[in-house]
């Protein structure tokens, strides 16, 4: 579940104003990112923690990758996301034992 406050943060991150159709797609993107993190070994509770700034950064990069301003921005955000997700996997407080 994605809260309204968290959705607003991600919406600002991709620089899109509120739109019900867009919001539904953005919620799907957030869930897709969370599932990607869980599949990589991130604790599900952590991947869904809307108060964690590290997770917020990952979700924001993922959303910017999927909703880029332009092709170059998509490429840069994809790269940032890949680096951040590799880094989070090395942090013991985020990974499944």
N, C-alpha and C. Protein backbone atom coordinates (compact mmCIF):
# COMPACT_ATOMS: atom_id res chain seq x y z
N UNK A 1 0.84 -1.19 0.00
CA UNK A 1 0.00 0.00 0.00
C UNK A 1 0.88 1.25 0.00
N UNK A 2 0.51 2.18 -0.80
CA UNK A 2 1.24 3.44 -0.92
C UNK A 2 0.37 4.53 -0.30
N UNK A 3 0.92 5.24 0.70
CA UNK A 3 0.15 6.31 1.33
C UNK A 3 0.13 7.55 0.44
N UNK A 4 -0.82 8.42 0.70
CA UNK A 4 -0.96 9.65 -0.09
C UNK A 4 0.28 10.55 0.06
N UNK A 5 0.83 10.62 1.28
CA UNK A 5 2.02 11.46 1.50
C UNK A 5 3.22 10.95 0.72
N UNK A 6 3.40 9.63 0.72
CA UNK A 6 4.53 9.03 0.00
C UNK A 6 4.35 9.23 -1.50
N UNK A 7 3.15 9.02 -1.98
CA UNK A 7 2.85 9.23 -3.39
C UNK A 7 3.16 10.68 -3.79
N UNK A 8 2.81 11.62 -2.93
CA UNK A 8 3.09 13.03 -3.22
C UNK A 8 4.59 13.28 -3.32
N UNK A 9 5.39 12.64 -2.46
CA UNK A 9 6.85 12.80 -2.53
C UNK A 9 7.39 12.27 -3.85
N UNK A 10 6.92 11.12 -4.27
CA UNK A 10 7.40 10.53 -5.52
C UNK A 10 6.90 11.34 -6.71
N UNK A 11 5.67 11.82 -6.63
CA UNK A 11 5.12 12.65 -7.71
C UNK A 11 5.97 13.90 -7.89
N UNK A 12 6.35 14.53 -6.76
CA UNK A 12 7.24 15.70 -6.84
C UNK A 12 8.59 15.30 -7.44
N UNK A 13 9.05 14.11 -7.09
CA UNK A 13 10.33 13.62 -7.60
C UNK A 13 10.36 13.47 -9.10
N UNK A 14 9.24 13.13 -9.68
CA UNK A 14 9.18 12.99 -11.14
C UNK A 14 8.60 14.25 -11.79
N UNK A 15 8.32 15.25 -10.94
CA UNK A 15 7.88 16.57 -11.40
C UNK A 15 6.59 16.55 -12.22
N UNK A 16 5.63 15.80 -11.69
CA UNK A 16 4.32 15.70 -12.33
C UNK A 16 3.26 16.18 -11.34
N UNK A 17 2.32 16.97 -11.81
CA UNK A 17 1.23 17.41 -10.95
C UNK A 17 0.24 16.27 -10.75
N UNK A 18 -0.63 16.43 -9.78
CA UNK A 18 -1.57 15.36 -9.45
C UNK A 18 -2.51 15.09 -10.61
N UNK A 19 -2.66 13.80 -10.88
CA UNK A 19 -3.55 13.32 -11.94
C UNK A 19 -3.92 11.90 -11.54
N UNK A 20 -5.21 11.60 -11.43
CA UNK A 20 -5.64 10.30 -10.94
C UNK A 20 -5.12 9.14 -11.77
N UNK A 21 -5.14 9.27 -13.09
CA UNK A 21 -4.62 8.20 -13.94
C UNK A 21 -3.13 8.01 -13.74
N UNK A 22 -2.41 9.11 -13.70
CA UNK A 22 -0.97 9.05 -13.48
C UNK A 22 -0.67 8.47 -12.10
N UNK A 23 -1.42 8.87 -11.09
CA UNK A 23 -1.19 8.38 -9.74
C UNK A 23 -1.30 6.86 -9.66
N UNK A 24 -2.27 6.30 -10.35
CA UNK A 24 -2.43 4.84 -10.33
C UNK A 24 -1.22 4.16 -10.96
N UNK A 25 -0.74 4.71 -12.06
CA UNK A 25 0.45 4.15 -12.70
C UNK A 25 1.68 4.33 -11.82
N UNK A 26 1.78 5.47 -11.17
CA UNK A 26 2.91 5.72 -10.28
C UNK A 26 2.90 4.77 -9.08
N UNK A 27 1.73 4.46 -8.56
CA UNK A 27 1.63 3.47 -7.47
C UNK A 27 2.14 2.11 -7.93
N UNK A 28 1.80 1.74 -9.16
CA UNK A 28 2.29 0.47 -9.71
C UNK A 28 3.81 0.48 -9.82
N UNK A 29 4.38 1.60 -10.23
CA UNK A 29 5.84 1.74 -10.35
C UNK A 29 6.50 1.62 -8.98
N UNK A 30 5.91 2.23 -7.98
CA UNK A 30 6.44 2.13 -6.61
C UNK A 30 6.43 0.68 -6.16
N UNK A 31 5.34 -0.01 -6.39
CA UNK A 31 5.25 -1.43 -6.01
C UNK A 31 6.25 -2.27 -6.79
N UNK A 32 6.45 -1.95 -8.06
CA UNK A 32 7.43 -2.67 -8.88
C UNK A 32 8.83 -2.51 -8.29
N UNK A 33 9.16 -1.31 -7.89
CA UNK A 33 10.47 -1.05 -7.27
C UNK A 33 10.61 -1.83 -5.97
N UNK A 34 9.59 -1.79 -5.15
CA UNK A 34 9.63 -2.52 -3.88
C UNK A 34 9.85 -4.01 -4.11
N UNK A 35 9.16 -4.57 -5.08
CA UNK A 35 9.32 -6.00 -5.38
C UNK A 35 10.71 -6.30 -5.91
N UNK A 36 11.26 -5.41 -6.70
CA UNK A 36 12.63 -5.59 -7.19
C UNK A 36 13.60 -5.65 -6.01
N UNK A 37 13.42 -4.76 -5.06
CA UNK A 37 14.30 -4.75 -3.88
C UNK A 37 14.16 -6.04 -3.07
N UNK A 38 12.94 -6.50 -2.88
CA UNK A 38 12.71 -7.74 -2.12
C UNK A 38 13.36 -8.91 -2.85
N UNK A 39 13.22 -8.97 -4.15
CA UNK A 39 13.83 -10.06 -4.93
C UNK A 39 15.35 -10.04 -4.83
N UNK A 40 15.91 -8.87 -4.59
CA UNK A 40 17.36 -8.75 -4.44
C UNK A 40 17.84 -9.12 -3.03
N UNK A 41 16.90 -9.33 -2.11
CA UNK A 41 17.27 -9.72 -0.76
C UNK A 41 17.01 -8.68 0.31
N UNK A 42 16.42 -7.55 -0.07
CA UNK A 42 16.08 -6.53 0.93
C UNK A 42 14.88 -7.03 1.74
N UNK A 43 14.95 -6.85 3.03
CA UNK A 43 13.86 -7.24 3.92
C UNK A 43 12.58 -6.53 3.46
N UNK A 44 11.51 -7.28 3.32
CA UNK A 44 10.26 -6.71 2.80
C UNK A 44 9.78 -5.53 3.63
N UNK A 45 9.88 -5.63 4.93
CA UNK A 45 9.46 -4.53 5.82
C UNK A 45 10.26 -3.27 5.50
N UNK A 46 11.56 -3.43 5.24
CA UNK A 46 12.41 -2.28 4.90
C UNK A 46 12.03 -1.72 3.52
N UNK A 47 11.82 -2.59 2.56
CA UNK A 47 11.48 -2.16 1.20
C UNK A 47 10.17 -1.36 1.18
N UNK A 48 9.29 -1.63 2.13
CA UNK A 48 7.99 -0.95 2.20
C UNK A 48 7.97 0.19 3.21
N UNK A 49 9.11 0.48 3.84
CA UNK A 49 9.18 1.51 4.87
C UNK A 49 9.18 2.90 4.22
N UNK A 50 8.08 3.59 4.33
CA UNK A 50 7.94 4.90 3.69
C UNK A 50 8.64 6.01 4.45
N UNK A 51 9.19 5.71 5.63
CA UNK A 51 9.92 6.73 6.39
C UNK A 51 11.42 6.61 6.21
N UNK A 52 11.88 5.59 5.49
CA UNK A 52 13.31 5.36 5.31
C UNK A 52 13.84 6.21 4.15
N UNK A 53 14.79 7.11 4.41
CA UNK A 53 15.29 7.98 3.34
C UNK A 53 16.07 7.23 2.26
N UNK A 54 16.72 6.13 2.60
CA UNK A 54 17.45 5.35 1.62
C UNK A 54 16.48 4.71 0.63
N UNK A 55 15.42 4.12 1.16
CA UNK A 55 14.39 3.51 0.31
C UNK A 55 13.71 4.58 -0.54
N UNK A 56 13.43 5.72 0.05
CA UNK A 56 12.81 6.82 -0.69
C UNK A 56 13.69 7.20 -1.88
N UNK A 57 14.98 7.31 -1.67
CA UNK A 57 15.90 7.64 -2.75
C UNK A 57 15.88 6.60 -3.86
N UNK A 58 15.84 5.33 -3.48
CA UNK A 58 15.77 4.26 -4.48
C UNK A 58 14.47 4.33 -5.28
N UNK A 59 13.37 4.50 -4.59
CA UNK A 59 12.07 4.57 -5.26
C UNK A 59 12.02 5.79 -6.17
N UNK A 60 12.55 6.90 -5.71
CA UNK A 60 12.56 8.12 -6.53
C UNK A 60 13.37 7.91 -7.81
N UNK A 61 14.56 7.31 -7.69
CA UNK A 61 15.38 7.03 -8.89
C UNK A 61 14.65 6.09 -9.84
N UNK A 62 14.02 5.08 -9.28
CA UNK A 62 13.29 4.12 -10.10
C UNK A 62 12.16 4.82 -10.85
N UNK A 63 11.41 5.66 -10.15
CA UNK A 63 10.29 6.38 -10.78
C UNK A 63 10.80 7.35 -11.85
N UNK A 64 11.90 8.02 -11.57
CA UNK A 64 12.47 8.95 -12.57
C UNK A 64 12.98 8.19 -13.79
N UNK A 65 13.45 6.98 -13.57
CA UNK A 65 13.88 6.13 -14.69
C UNK A 65 12.68 5.78 -15.56
N UNK A 66 11.56 5.44 -14.92
CA UNK A 66 10.37 5.03 -15.66
C UNK A 66 9.59 6.21 -16.25
N UNK A 67 9.72 7.39 -15.63
CA UNK A 67 9.04 8.60 -16.11
C UNK A 67 10.05 9.71 -16.29
N UNK A 68 10.95 9.56 -17.25
CA UNK A 68 12.03 10.54 -17.39
C UNK A 68 11.60 11.83 -18.09
N UNK A 69 12.38 12.86 -17.85
CA UNK A 69 12.19 14.11 -18.56
C UNK A 69 12.61 13.93 -20.01
N UNK A 70 13.69 13.17 -20.20
CA UNK A 70 14.19 12.85 -21.53
C UNK A 70 14.99 11.55 -21.46
N UNK A 71 15.50 11.12 -22.60
CA UNK A 71 16.21 9.84 -22.67
C UNK A 71 17.47 9.83 -21.81
N UNK A 72 18.19 10.94 -21.81
CA UNK A 72 19.41 11.02 -21.00
C UNK A 72 19.10 10.91 -19.52
N UNK A 73 18.03 11.56 -19.08
CA UNK A 73 17.62 11.48 -17.68
C UNK A 73 17.24 10.06 -17.31
N UNK A 74 16.58 9.36 -18.21
CA UNK A 74 16.21 7.96 -17.95
C UNK A 74 17.46 7.12 -17.74
N UNK A 75 18.44 7.30 -18.60
CA UNK A 75 19.69 6.55 -18.51
C UNK A 75 20.43 6.85 -17.20
N UNK A 76 20.50 8.12 -16.83
CA UNK A 76 21.18 8.51 -15.60
C UNK A 76 20.48 7.95 -14.36
N UNK A 77 19.16 8.03 -14.33
CA UNK A 77 18.41 7.53 -13.18
C UNK A 77 18.44 6.01 -13.09
N UNK A 78 18.45 5.35 -14.22
CA UNK A 78 18.60 3.88 -14.21
C UNK A 78 19.95 3.52 -13.60
N UNK A 79 21.00 4.21 -14.03
CA UNK A 79 22.33 3.97 -13.48
C UNK A 79 22.39 4.23 -11.98
N UNK A 80 21.81 5.35 -11.55
CA UNK A 80 21.78 5.66 -10.12
C UNK A 80 21.03 4.58 -9.34
N UNK A 81 19.91 4.14 -9.89
CA UNK A 81 19.13 3.10 -9.21
C UNK A 81 19.95 1.82 -9.07
N UNK A 82 20.62 1.42 -10.12
CA UNK A 82 21.41 0.18 -10.09
C UNK A 82 22.54 0.28 -9.06
N UNK A 83 23.20 1.42 -9.01
CA UNK A 83 24.27 1.61 -8.03
C UNK A 83 23.71 1.56 -6.61
N UNK A 84 22.63 2.29 -6.37
CA UNK A 84 22.04 2.34 -5.03
C UNK A 84 21.53 0.97 -4.58
N UNK A 85 20.91 0.22 -5.48
CA UNK A 85 20.40 -1.09 -5.07
C UNK A 85 21.53 -2.06 -4.79
N UNK A 86 22.65 -1.93 -5.50
CA UNK A 86 23.81 -2.76 -5.18
C UNK A 86 24.40 -2.38 -3.83
N UNK A 87 24.42 -1.09 -3.53
CA UNK A 87 24.95 -0.63 -2.25
C UNK A 87 24.06 -1.07 -1.09
N UNK A 88 22.76 -1.02 -1.26
CA UNK A 88 21.85 -1.38 -0.16
C UNK A 88 21.97 -2.87 0.19
N UNK A 89 22.31 -3.67 -0.79
CA UNK A 89 22.46 -5.11 -0.55
C UNK A 89 23.65 -5.42 0.36
N UNK A 90 24.56 -4.48 0.50
CA UNK A 90 25.72 -4.67 1.38
C UNK A 90 25.49 -4.14 2.79
N UNK A 91 24.38 -3.53 3.00
CA UNK A 91 24.07 -2.95 4.33
C UNK A 91 23.26 -3.96 5.13
N UNK A 92 23.83 -4.43 6.20
CA UNK A 92 23.24 -5.53 6.97
C UNK A 92 21.84 -5.22 7.48
N UNK A 93 21.55 -3.96 7.78
CA UNK A 93 20.23 -3.64 8.32
C UNK A 93 19.13 -3.73 7.28
N UNK A 94 19.50 -3.91 6.01
CA UNK A 94 18.51 -3.97 4.94
C UNK A 94 18.32 -5.35 4.33
N UNK A 95 19.22 -6.26 4.59
CA UNK A 95 19.17 -7.55 3.89
C UNK A 95 18.70 -8.69 4.78
N UNK A 96 18.12 -9.69 4.14
CA UNK A 96 17.64 -10.88 4.81
C UNK A 96 18.85 -11.70 5.21
N UNK A 97 18.86 -12.20 6.46
CA UNK A 97 19.97 -13.05 6.93
C UNK A 97 19.95 -14.39 6.27
